[in-house]
Amino acid sequence: MIELLIKHPNLTNKELTEILHISKSTVHIHLKKLWDAGLINVSYFPHSLGIEITNEQIRNYKKLEALFNLETRKTYHLSHLE
């Protein structure tokens, strides 16, 4: 999902459900996890959520991605980025 957001900035949750063919609640769960991790920004609109990802958030995601690809750990934390 985050790769899609990187390639297509400013998607809404409705657009994600249509593109990914998954339920709105599943999209919401994944977006909440990404937002809680600080990897996306969410804007509230009357009938949808706008999702943005900044260049800094993309860099942080890439660092986390590298950690997952290079090391096997049981847990990850954003403090590993520093």
C-alpha atoms as a PDB file:
ATOM      1  CA  MET A   1       0.000   0.000   0.000  1.00  0.00           C
ATOM      2  CA  ILE A   2       2.750   2.452   0.879  1.00  0.00           C
ATOM      3  CA  GLU A   3       4.510   1.838  -2.443  1.00  0.00           C
ATOM      4  CA  LEU A   4       1.258   2.784  -4.166  1.00  0.00           C
ATOM      5  CA  LEU A   5       1.060   5.968  -2.083  1.00  0.00           C
ATOM      6  CA  ILE A   6       4.648   6.836  -3.021  1.00  0.00           C
ATOM      7  CA  LYS A   7       3.890   6.406  -6.729  1.00  0.00           C
ATOM      8  CA  HIS A   8       0.488   8.127  -6.554  1.00  0.00           C
ATOM      9  CA  PRO A   9       0.498  10.870  -3.916  1.00  0.00           C
ATOM     10  CA  ASN A  10      -2.721  12.297  -2.497  1.00  0.00           C
ATOM     11  CA  LEU A  11      -4.909   9.226  -2.931  1.00  0.00           C
ATOM     12  CA  THR A  12      -8.026   8.869  -0.831  1.00  0.00           C
ATOM     13  CA  ASN A  13      -9.111   5.826   1.131  1.00  0.00           C
ATOM     14  CA  LYS A  14     -11.922   5.315  -1.399  1.00  0.00           C
ATOM     15  CA  GLU A  15      -9.442   5.272  -4.276  1.00  0.00           C
ATOM     16  CA  LEU A  16      -7.268   2.771  -2.403  1.00  0.00           C
ATOM     17  CA  THR A  17     -10.238   0.426  -1.919  1.00  0.00           C
ATOM     18  CA  GLU A  18     -10.989   0.585  -5.644  1.00  0.00           C
ATOM     19  CA  ILE A  19      -7.370   0.117  -6.768  1.00  0.00           C
ATOM     20  CA  LEU A  20      -6.519  -2.652  -4.296  1.00  0.00           C
ATOM     21  CA  HIS A  21      -9.938  -4.371  -4.378  1.00  0.00           C
ATOM     22  CA  ILE A  22     -10.112  -4.612  -0.603  1.00  0.00           C
ATOM     23  CA  SER A  23     -12.728  -3.417   1.858  1.00  0.00           C
ATOM     24  CA  LYS A  24     -12.827   0.079   3.305  1.00  0.00           C
ATOM     25  CA  SER A  25     -12.286  -1.342   6.796  1.00  0.00           C
ATOM     26  CA  THR A  26      -9.154  -3.230   5.672  1.00  0.00           C
ATOM     27  CA  VAL A  27      -7.765  -0.057   4.089  1.00  0.00           C
ATOM     28  CA  HIS A  28      -8.578   1.829   7.295  1.00  0.00           C
ATOM     29  CA  ILE A  29      -6.689  -0.713   9.434  1.00  0.00           C
ATOM     30  CA  HIS A  30      -3.583  -0.482   7.245  1.00  0.00           C
ATOM     31  CA  LEU A  31      -3.726   3.315   7.059  1.00  0.00           C
ATOM     32  CA  LYS A  32      -4.026   3.525  10.840  1.00  0.00           C
ATOM     33  CA  LYS A  33      -0.898   1.406  11.257  1.00  0.00           C
ATOM     34  CA  LEU A  34       1.033   3.548   8.764  1.00  0.00           C
ATOM     35  CA  TRP A  35      -0.206   6.748  10.435  1.00  0.00           C
ATOM     36  CA  ASP A  36       0.663   5.434  13.922  1.00  0.00           C
ATOM     37  CA  ALA A  37       4.176   4.664  12.628  1.00  0.00           C
ATOM     38  CA  GLY A  38       4.474   8.238  11.320  1.00  0.00           C
ATOM     39  CA  LEU A  39       4.813   7.085   7.704  1.00  0.00           C
ATOM     40  CA  ILE A  40       1.780   8.943   6.299  1.00  0.00           C
ATOM     41  CA  ASN A  41      -0.350  12.010   6.972  1.00  0.00           C
ATOM     42  CA  VAL A  42      -4.129  11.805   6.931  1.00  0.00           C
ATOM     43  CA  SER A  43      -6.592  14.609   6.176  1.00  0.00           C
ATOM     44  CA  TYR A  44     -10.274  14.231   6.961  1.00  0.00           C
ATOM     45  CA  PHE A  45     -12.860  15.138   4.340  1.00  0.00           C
ATOM     46  CA  PRO A  46     -16.661  14.762   4.574  1.00  0.00           C
ATOM     47  CA  HIS A  47     -16.818  11.304   2.954  1.00  0.00           C
ATOM     48  CA  SER A  48     -13.209  10.187   2.655  1.00  0.00           C
ATOM     49  CA  LEU A  49      -9.674  10.417   3.987  1.00  0.00           C
ATOM     50  CA  GLY A  50      -6.874  12.095   2.057  1.00  0.00           C
ATOM     51  CA  ILE A  51      -3.516  10.384   2.437  1.00  0.00           C
ATOM     52  CA  GLU A  52      -0.209  12.172   1.906  1.00  0.00           C
ATOM     53  CA  ILE A  53       3.366  11.004   2.245  1.00  0.00           C
ATOM     54  CA  THR A  54       6.236  13.472   2.553  1.00  0.00           C
ATOM     55  CA  ASN A  55       9.778  13.030   1.254  1.00  0.00           C
ATOM     56  CA  GLU A  56      10.980  12.578   4.838  1.00  0.00           C
ATOM     57  CA  GLN A  57       8.382   9.867   5.423  1.00  0.00           C
ATOM     58  CA  ILE A  58       9.472   8.144   2.204  1.00  0.00           C
ATOM     59  CA  ARG A  59      13.097   8.212   3.390  1.00  0.00           C
ATOM     60  CA  ASN A  60      12.053   6.734   6.750  1.00  0.00           C
ATOM     61  CA  TYR A  61      10.075   4.016   4.982  1.00  0.00           C
ATOM     62  CA  LYS A  62      13.088   3.173   2.789  1.00  0.00           C
ATOM     63  CA  LYS A  63      15.273   2.901   5.906  1.00  0.00           C
ATOM     64  CA  LEU A  64      12.781   0.537   7.518  1.00  0.00           C
ATOM     65  CA  GLU A  65      12.557  -1.441   4.295  1.00  0.00           C
ATOM     66  CA  ALA A  66      16.339  -1.819   4.280  1.00  0.00           C
ATOM     67  CA  LEU A  67      16.265  -3.069   7.874  1.00  0.00           C
ATOM     68  CA  PHE A  68      13.729  -5.723   6.969  1.00  0.00           C
ATOM     69  CA  ASN A  69      15.709  -6.827   3.928  1.00  0.00           C
ATOM     70  CA  LEU A  70      19.116  -6.923   5.609  1.00  0.00           C
ATOM     71  CA  GLU A  71      18.402  -8.206   9.106  1.00  0.00           C
ATOM     72  CA  THR A  72      15.996 -10.604  10.730  1.00  0.00           C
ATOM     73  CA  ARG A  73      14.610  -9.153  13.937  1.00  0.00           C
ATOM     74  CA  LYS A  74      11.566  -9.957  15.972  1.00  0.00           C
ATOM     75  CA  THR A  75      10.646  -6.282  16.503  1.00  0.00           C
ATOM     76  CA  TYR A  76      11.346  -2.979  14.827  1.00  0.00           C
ATOM     77  CA  HIS A  77      11.098   0.502  16.193  1.00  0.00           C
ATOM     78  CA  LEU A  78      11.533   3.918  14.617  1.00  0.00           C
ATOM     79  CA  SER A  79      14.493   4.480  16.956  1.00  0.00           C
ATOM     80  CA  HIS A  80      16.460   2.141  14.691  1.00  0.00           C
ATOM     81  CA  LEU A  81      16.381   4.900  12.058  1.00  0.00           C
ATOM     82  CA  GLU A  82      18.691   7.187  14.015  1.00  0.00           C
END
